[in-house]
Protein backbone atom coordinates (compact mmCIF):
# COMPACT_ATOMS: atom_id res chain seq x y z
CA MET A 1 -35.49 3.67 -11.62
CA GLU A 2 -32.45 2.27 -9.55
CA LEU A 3 -34.60 -0.94 -8.66
CA ARG A 4 -35.54 -1.46 -11.97
CA LEU A 5 -32.13 -0.80 -13.39
CA ARG A 6 -30.87 -3.29 -11.14
CA ILE A 7 -33.50 -5.96 -11.88
CA LEU A 8 -33.15 -5.44 -16.11
CA LEU A 9 -29.67 -6.53 -15.40
CA SER A 10 -29.87 -9.51 -13.41
CA PHE A 11 -32.78 -10.17 -16.21
CA ILE A 12 -29.83 -9.94 -18.77
CA ALA A 13 -27.46 -12.03 -16.62
CA VAL A 14 -29.51 -14.38 -16.64
CA ALA A 15 -30.67 -14.99 -19.71
CA PHE A 16 -27.35 -15.05 -21.27
CA SER A 17 -25.62 -16.88 -18.41
CA VAL A 18 -23.61 -13.87 -17.61
CA GLU A 19 -22.16 -13.18 -13.98
CA PRO A 20 -24.36 -9.93 -12.94
CA TRP A 21 -21.12 -8.17 -11.68
CA LYS A 22 -20.11 -8.07 -14.92
CA VAL A 23 -22.92 -5.88 -17.28
CA SER A 24 -23.31 -3.80 -13.65
CA ALA A 25 -22.65 -0.54 -13.53
CA THR A 26 -19.15 1.11 -12.83
CA CYS A 27 -18.56 2.39 -9.31
CA GLU A 28 -18.48 5.85 -8.82
CA PHE A 29 -16.41 6.60 -5.72
CA PRO A 30 -16.46 10.03 -4.11
CA ALA A 31 -13.30 9.66 -1.78
CA VAL A 32 -10.79 6.73 -1.23
CA PHE A 33 -9.32 6.57 2.90
CA ASN A 34 -6.28 4.46 2.64
CA PHE A 35 -4.38 3.05 5.47
CA GLY A 36 -0.90 1.34 5.04
CA ASP A 37 2.92 2.36 5.63
CA SER A 38 5.59 3.00 3.41
CA ASN A 39 4.27 1.76 0.18
CA SER A 40 1.26 3.66 0.15
CA ASP A 41 1.78 6.80 2.75
CA THR A 42 1.89 10.00 0.54
CA GLY A 43 3.39 12.27 3.43
CA GLY A 44 2.45 11.25 6.45
CA LEU A 45 5.51 10.09 8.42
CA SER A 46 7.10 13.37 6.46
CA ALA A 47 4.72 15.43 8.29
CA ALA A 48 4.95 14.45 11.69
CA PHE A 49 9.17 13.42 11.65
CA GLY A 50 10.46 15.45 8.88
CA GLN A 51 10.17 15.60 4.67
CA ALA A 52 11.43 13.01 2.95
CA GLY A 53 14.75 15.21 1.99
CA PRO A 54 15.44 15.07 -2.68
CA PRO A 55 16.07 13.13 -4.72
CA ALA A 56 12.68 11.89 -3.26
CA GLY A 57 10.08 12.75 -6.25
CA GLU A 58 11.96 13.78 -8.65
CA THR A 59 10.64 12.43 -11.37
CA TYR A 60 6.55 13.77 -11.02
CA PHE A 61 6.46 16.03 -8.17
CA HIS A 62 10.14 17.37 -9.02
CA ALA A 63 10.16 17.71 -5.39
CA PRO A 64 9.92 16.05 -2.76
CA ALA A 65 6.37 15.40 -1.85
CA GLY A 66 6.06 12.99 0.86
CA ARG A 67 6.84 9.93 -0.76
CA TYR A 68 9.45 7.55 -0.35
CA SER A 69 9.81 7.21 -4.06
CA ASP A 70 10.90 9.14 -7.26
CA GLY A 71 7.71 9.64 -7.53
CA ARG A 72 4.05 8.12 -7.58
CA LEU A 73 2.86 5.12 -5.94
CA ILE A 74 0.40 2.75 -6.20
CA VAL A 75 -2.59 4.81 -3.98
CA ASP A 76 -1.32 7.89 -6.36
CA PHE A 77 -2.56 5.75 -9.53
CA ILE A 78 -6.00 4.42 -7.87
CA ALA A 79 -7.00 8.04 -6.67
CA GLU A 80 -6.32 8.92 -10.41
CA SER A 81 -8.08 5.46 -11.70
CA VAL A 82 -11.46 6.23 -10.22
CA GLY A 83 -10.88 10.28 -10.88
CA LEU A 84 -9.84 11.73 -7.82
CA PRO A 85 -6.79 14.20 -6.89
CA TYR A 86 -3.94 12.01 -5.09
CA LEU A 87 -4.92 11.74 -1.13
CA SER A 88 -3.96 14.71 1.23
CA ALA A 89 -1.90 12.85 4.50
CA PHE A 90 -4.25 13.04 7.31
CA LEU A 91 -1.01 14.26 9.44
CA ASP A 92 -0.02 17.13 7.26
CA ALA A 93 -1.77 20.39 8.57
CA LEU A 94 -0.22 22.30 5.23
CA GLY A 95 -2.11 22.78 2.06
CA SER A 96 -4.15 19.29 2.79
CA ASN A 97 -7.07 19.22 1.01
CA PHE A 98 -10.04 15.85 2.47
CA THR A 99 -12.79 16.60 0.31
CA HIS A 100 -12.28 13.40 -1.85
CA GLY A 101 -11.00 11.23 1.09
CA ALA A 102 -7.93 11.53 3.32
CA ASN A 103 -4.45 9.04 4.16
CA PHE A 104 -3.73 7.04 7.38
CA ALA A 105 -0.62 5.23 6.19
CA THR A 106 2.47 6.54 7.59
CA ALA A 107 5.98 5.15 6.70
CA GLY A 108 7.25 2.27 8.81
CA SER A 109 3.78 1.31 9.70
CA THR A 110 3.13 -2.21 11.39
CA ILE A 111 -0.19 -3.86 11.97
CA ARG A 112 1.02 -4.76 15.27
CA PRO A 113 1.84 -2.28 17.34
CA PRO A 114 5.47 -1.99 17.67
CA ASN A 115 7.41 -2.08 21.18
CA ALA A 116 10.40 0.28 20.78
CA THR A 117 10.44 3.87 18.98
CA LEU A 118 10.86 4.81 16.05
CA SER A 119 14.11 6.17 16.55
CA ARG A 120 15.52 2.50 17.75
CA SER A 121 13.70 0.38 15.62
CA GLY A 122 12.87 2.49 12.61
CA PHE A 123 9.59 1.60 12.93
CA SER A 124 6.11 4.22 12.92
CA PRO A 125 4.38 4.52 16.20
CA ILE A 126 1.45 4.78 14.21
CA SER A 127 0.50 1.11 13.51
CA LEU A 128 -2.95 0.48 12.10
CA ASN A 129 -4.95 0.51 15.37
CA VAL A 130 -3.52 3.74 15.54
CA GLN A 131 -4.63 5.29 12.03
CA TRP A 132 -8.19 3.67 12.60
CA TYR A 133 -8.37 5.87 15.82
CA GLU A 134 -7.23 8.83 13.05
CA PHE A 135 -10.20 7.76 10.71
CA HIS A 136 -12.65 7.36 13.67
CA ASP A 137 -12.12 11.08 15.33
CA PHE A 138 -11.52 12.09 11.34
CA HIS A 139 -15.28 10.57 10.40
CA ARG A 140 -16.99 12.47 13.38
CA ARG A 141 -15.03 16.01 13.80
CA SER A 142 -15.00 16.50 9.88
CA GLN A 143 -18.57 16.47 10.33
CA ILE A 144 -18.80 18.95 12.95
CA ILE A 145 -15.72 21.36 10.80
CA ARG A 146 -17.89 21.09 7.19
CA ASN A 147 -20.88 22.33 8.65
CA ARG A 148 -19.39 25.81 9.58
CA GLY A 149 -19.89 26.40 5.81
CA GLY A 150 -17.66 28.33 4.03
CA VAL A 151 -14.39 27.19 3.16
CA PHE A 152 -14.42 24.43 5.98
CA SER A 153 -17.51 22.96 3.42
CA GLN A 154 -14.85 22.61 0.50
CA LEU A 155 -12.01 20.74 2.72
CA MET A 156 -14.01 18.14 4.17
CA PRO A 157 -15.66 14.82 2.43
CA LYS A 158 -19.96 14.88 3.15
CA GLU A 159 -21.32 12.04 5.29
CA GLU A 160 -22.52 9.87 2.94
CA SER A 161 -19.07 10.33 1.19
CA PHE A 162 -18.09 7.11 4.12
CA SER A 163 -20.30 4.58 3.26
CA ARG A 164 -19.74 5.19 -0.90
CA ALA A 165 -15.78 5.38 -0.36
CA LEU A 166 -13.36 3.22 -1.51
CA TYR A 167 -11.49 2.10 1.25
CA THR A 168 -7.48 0.59 0.57
CA PHE A 169 -4.83 -1.81 2.53
CA ASP A 170 -1.69 -2.47 1.78
CA ILE A 171 0.18 -3.66 5.05
CA GLY A 172 1.80 -6.00 6.64
CA GLN A 173 5.59 -6.39 4.81
CA ASN A 174 6.79 -4.15 8.31
CA ASP A 175 5.59 -6.71 10.49
CA LEU A 176 6.96 -9.28 8.89
CA THR A 177 10.90 -7.42 8.92
CA TYR A 178 10.43 -6.39 12.74
CA GLY A 179 10.85 -9.83 13.30
CA TYR A 180 13.78 -10.55 11.27
CA PHE A 181 14.86 -7.19 12.41
CA SER A 182 14.70 -8.33 15.87
CA ASN A 183 16.82 -11.24 15.06
CA MET A 184 13.89 -13.70 15.43
CA SER A 185 14.05 -17.02 12.70
CA THR A 186 11.55 -17.56 10.49
CA ASP A 187 9.43 -20.00 12.11
CA GLN A 188 8.89 -17.41 14.71
CA VAL A 189 7.95 -14.76 12.34
CA ARG A 190 5.42 -17.08 10.97
CA ALA A 191 4.04 -18.27 14.08
CA TYR A 192 2.59 -14.29 15.23
CA VAL A 193 1.30 -14.11 12.18
CA PRO A 194 -2.11 -15.24 13.44
CA ASP A 195 -2.52 -12.37 15.64
CA VAL A 196 -1.36 -9.82 13.21
CA LEU A 197 -3.57 -10.72 11.44
CA GLY A 198 -6.35 -11.03 13.93
CA GLN A 199 -5.78 -6.83 14.55
CA PHE A 200 -5.99 -6.40 10.94
CA LYS A 201 -9.79 -7.63 11.20
CA THR A 202 -10.73 -5.71 13.70
CA VAL A 203 -9.84 -3.08 12.15
CA ILE A 204 -11.85 -4.19 9.09
CA LYS A 205 -14.70 -4.10 10.98
CA ASP A 206 -14.18 -1.58 12.79
CA ILE A 207 -14.52 0.41 9.82
CA TYR A 208 -17.61 -1.53 8.27
CA ASP A 209 -19.40 0.01 11.56
CA GLN A 210 -18.24 2.92 10.48
CA GLY A 211 -20.10 2.73 7.37
CA GLY A 212 -16.91 1.40 5.11
CA ARG A 213 -18.18 -0.95 2.67
CA SER A 214 -16.11 -1.34 -0.38
CA PHE A 215 -12.48 -2.66 0.87
CA TRP A 216 -9.83 -3.42 -1.38
CA ILE A 217 -6.21 -4.55 0.22
CA HIS A 218 -3.34 -5.93 -1.06
CA ASN A 219 -1.32 -8.84 0.28
CA THR A 220 2.58 -8.50 1.00
CA GLY A 221 5.49 -8.47 -1.58
CA PRO A 222 8.52 -10.66 -1.91
CA VAL A 223 10.25 -8.89 0.57
CA GLY A 224 13.08 -11.46 0.42
CA CYS A 225 13.98 -9.54 -2.59
CA LEU A 226 14.23 -6.16 -1.34
CA PRO A 227 17.56 -5.09 -0.36
CA TYR A 228 17.72 -3.86 2.82
CA VAL A 229 16.55 -7.19 4.04
CA MET A 230 19.32 -9.58 1.84
CA ASP A 231 21.72 -6.96 3.15
CA ARG A 232 20.70 -6.98 6.50
CA VAL A 233 19.71 -10.69 7.11
CA PRO A 234 22.19 -12.98 7.22
CA ILE A 235 21.16 -15.95 4.69
CA THR A 236 23.58 -18.86 3.07
CA ALA A 237 23.61 -19.43 -0.49
CA GLY A 238 21.77 -22.53 -0.72
CA GLN A 239 18.40 -19.87 1.16
CA VAL A 240 18.96 -17.92 -2.54
CA ASP A 241 16.31 -18.53 -5.42
CA LYS A 242 18.08 -18.57 -8.94
CA TYR A 243 17.10 -14.40 -9.18
CA GLY A 244 19.06 -13.80 -6.38
CA CYS A 245 16.35 -13.77 -3.99
CA ALA A 246 15.99 -14.70 -0.54
CA ASP A 247 13.60 -17.28 -0.66
CA PRO A 248 12.82 -18.21 3.39
CA PHE A 249 11.31 -14.56 3.88
CA ASN A 250 9.45 -14.94 0.48
CA GLU A 251 8.08 -18.14 2.07
CA VAL A 252 7.08 -16.39 5.07
CA ALA A 253 5.30 -13.26 2.80
CA LYS A 254 3.38 -16.52 0.99
CA TYR A 255 2.65 -17.89 4.16
CA PHE A 256 0.85 -14.08 5.24
CA ASN A 257 -0.98 -13.79 2.47
CA LEU A 258 -2.56 -17.48 2.72
CA LYS A 259 -3.55 -16.78 6.13
CA LEU A 260 -4.80 -12.75 4.52
CA LYS A 261 -6.86 -14.27 2.63
CA GLU A 262 -8.54 -16.91 4.82
CA MET A 263 -9.51 -13.81 6.48
CA VAL A 264 -10.81 -11.91 3.65
CA GLN A 265 -12.97 -15.21 3.06
CA LYS A 266 -14.49 -14.65 6.52
CA LEU A 267 -15.05 -11.56 6.28
CA ARG A 268 -17.19 -11.82 3.66
CA GLN A 269 -19.33 -14.02 5.52
CA GLU A 270 -19.25 -11.58 8.82
CA LEU A 271 -19.78 -9.03 6.60
CA PRO A 272 -23.06 -9.19 4.58
CA GLU A 273 -22.61 -6.09 2.76
CA ALA A 274 -19.15 -5.51 2.33
CA ALA A 275 -17.50 -6.09 -0.90
CA ILE A 276 -13.94 -7.08 -0.04
CA THR A 277 -11.01 -7.42 -3.21
CA TYR A 278 -8.29 -9.33 -2.35
CA VAL A 279 -5.66 -8.30 -4.39
CA ASP A 280 -2.33 -10.54 -5.16
CA VAL A 281 0.70 -7.23 -5.55
CA TYR A 282 2.86 -10.25 -4.34
CA SER A 283 2.29 -12.20 -7.90
CA VAL A 284 2.71 -9.20 -9.48
CA LYS A 285 5.87 -7.50 -8.07
CA TYR A 286 7.85 -11.03 -8.05
CA THR A 287 6.87 -11.43 -11.58
CA LEU A 288 8.59 -7.79 -12.00
CA ILE A 289 11.45 -8.88 -10.01
CA THR A 290 12.53 -12.04 -11.90
CA LYS A 291 11.27 -10.91 -15.37
CA ALA A 292 12.67 -7.30 -15.13
CA LYS A 293 14.53 -7.58 -18.62
CA LYS A 294 11.10 -8.66 -20.20
CA PHE A 295 9.47 -5.57 -19.01
CA GLY A 296 12.31 -2.91 -20.05
CA PHE A 297 13.80 -2.71 -16.51
CA VAL A 298 17.43 -3.71 -15.43
CA GLN A 299 19.11 -4.92 -12.33
CA PRO A 300 16.14 -5.20 -10.44
CA LEU A 301 17.56 -6.48 -7.22
CA ARG A 302 20.42 -3.23 -7.11
CA ALA A 303 18.41 0.18 -5.63
CA CYS A 304 18.38 3.61 -7.81
CA CYS A 305 19.11 5.99 -5.20
CA GLY A 306 22.06 4.23 -2.85
CA HIS A 307 25.84 3.51 -1.87
CA GLY A 308 27.82 0.87 -2.26
CA GLY A 309 27.69 -2.98 -1.74
CA LYS A 310 25.82 -5.78 -3.60
CA TYR A 311 22.94 -3.79 -3.82
CA ASN A 312 23.58 -0.49 -3.89
CA TYR A 313 22.14 -0.10 -0.32
CA ASN A 314 23.87 0.96 3.10
CA ILE A 315 22.13 1.16 5.84
CA HIS A 316 23.81 3.69 7.79
CA VAL A 317 23.55 5.92 4.14
CA GLY A 318 20.27 6.33 2.99
CA CYS A 319 19.27 7.98 -0.38
CA GLY A 320 19.75 11.62 -0.12
CA GLY A 321 22.29 11.22 2.70
CA LYS A 322 25.75 12.40 2.45
CA VAL A 323 28.81 10.57 1.53
CA LYS A 324 32.40 11.21 2.06
CA VAL A 325 34.34 10.16 -1.39
CA ASP A 326 38.30 11.40 -1.69
CA GLY A 327 37.78 13.39 0.61
CA LYS A 328 34.92 15.38 -0.11
CA GLU A 329 30.97 15.29 0.85
CA VAL A 330 28.72 14.31 -1.96
CA VAL A 331 25.22 13.73 -1.70
CA VAL A 332 23.88 10.42 -2.71
CA GLY A 333 22.03 10.74 -5.80
CA SER A 334 19.80 8.81 -7.51
CA CYS A 335 20.82 6.96 -10.50
CA LYS A 336 21.12 8.26 -14.19
CA ASP A 337 17.57 6.73 -15.66
CA PRO A 338 14.52 5.62 -12.71
CA SER A 339 12.15 5.07 -15.55
CA VAL A 340 14.45 1.65 -15.88
CA LYS A 341 14.84 0.37 -12.40
CA ILE A 342 12.72 -1.15 -10.02
CA ASN A 343 13.90 -0.43 -6.52
CA TRP A 344 14.31 2.88 -5.71
CA ASP A 345 15.91 3.28 -2.35
CA GLY A 346 16.12 -0.42 -1.19
CA VAL A 347 13.16 -0.23 0.24
CA HIS A 348 11.17 1.26 -2.22
CA PHE A 349 9.30 1.13 -5.41
CA THR A 350 10.21 3.33 -8.67
CA GLU A 351 7.48 4.93 -9.93
CA ALA A 352 8.14 3.43 -13.36
CA ALA A 353 7.58 -0.51 -10.91
CA ASN A 354 4.53 1.52 -9.37
CA LYS A 355 2.79 1.86 -12.50
CA TRP A 356 3.68 -1.26 -14.00
CA ILE A 357 2.22 -2.78 -11.44
CA PHE A 358 -1.01 -0.76 -10.99
CA ASP A 359 -1.26 -1.77 -14.73
CA LYS A 360 -1.78 -4.87 -13.96
CA ILE A 361 -3.96 -5.14 -11.23
CA VAL A 362 -5.79 -2.56 -12.20
CA GLY A 363 -8.05 -4.65 -14.39
CA GLY A 364 -9.32 -7.11 -11.80
CA GLU A 365 -6.47 -10.18 -12.96
CA PHE A 366 -4.98 -10.30 -9.79
CA SER A 367 -8.16 -10.26 -7.69
CA ASP A 368 -10.50 -12.16 -6.18
CA PRO A 369 -12.89 -11.76 -6.62
CA PRO A 370 -11.91 -11.36 -10.58
CA ILE A 371 -12.73 -7.74 -11.17
CA PRO A 372 -11.55 -4.26 -12.03
CA LEU A 373 -10.73 -1.61 -9.52
CA ASN A 374 -13.77 0.56 -10.93
CA MET A 375 -16.17 -2.36 -10.25
CA THR A 376 -15.27 -3.58 -6.79
CA CYS A 377 -17.92 -1.51 -4.76
CA GLN A 378 -20.14 -3.86 -6.82
CA ARG A 379 -20.46 -7.54 -4.54
CA HIS A 380 -19.51 -10.46 -6.15
CA PRO A 381 -22.33 -13.42 -5.89
CA ALA A 382 -19.71 -15.84 -4.49
CA GLN A 383 -18.91 -13.61 -1.27
């Protein structure tokens, strides 16, 4: 029956000069497996190194929920969009349910393994290759556990879910900032981008070999518009664009994205059964930041939850930390109305900004190929 339907859809597409994917049925993803950094971490780093404390999570969850934001992240909206529960972090042993996927992302993660500890560098030891090891082990052991039956069968995904799942990626930002915070020049950071993407490519191919077929890959955002970069890395007035962003860092991000897109194009040739969607979140985020007022946001370069300085950001006293004001110790809390702010804590986006970004990318307007999220299992003829 499925074969007859595909033949019929292809006939309709040819007869009416319509691209076949546009008349194909939408995808039904039984699970989502996510890999990334703090932009999509739903509790990994919190489980391993201590919970992201209040006021994180205040807007939607009304309590800390493992996310570095006041509420939901883009990955949460992805899960909602495909009709699945929010993803449990793989590292979180408490209250997790992996029936519909798992989240291997942790805040501070890089693609290349960092050569310094978390306490010294601020970057997670759980780099993308480690996330792959976790996924590989999860794939094998989840089926052993599921086959025990009883409650275990209700907490682990079915074997067939792995080949039908959506594999999402949002990682690479920290590979760039790692270089800047190590006193590297933009030219030095640019020079190691090919090696970073080579390691990214290896992980995609490894997941493909494990049965993964549908990939949704975000490029990296305009890091030169983030307070924690602009506050920490010296730049000259001439390096600031008309919107207040640090142009040199954004240029390297755009170079990273150019090479990432080339990597995706090569992967399409090397992985004949894969449907790989490249998502240009850079353009969406930059538009939001540079045209904030038009979209109902204010002070796009100032953190909602922070303390002091031009950007309301202080590396020594972060969101939820404590400072002394007039001799009294007070907690660094959130701004009055996070719903009109873009930046949450100097590093991450607010729920309102995440939702705005998701609404822009879900329909496929910023994707290559230009297909909506719910059809990303369909291999585009151009792939």
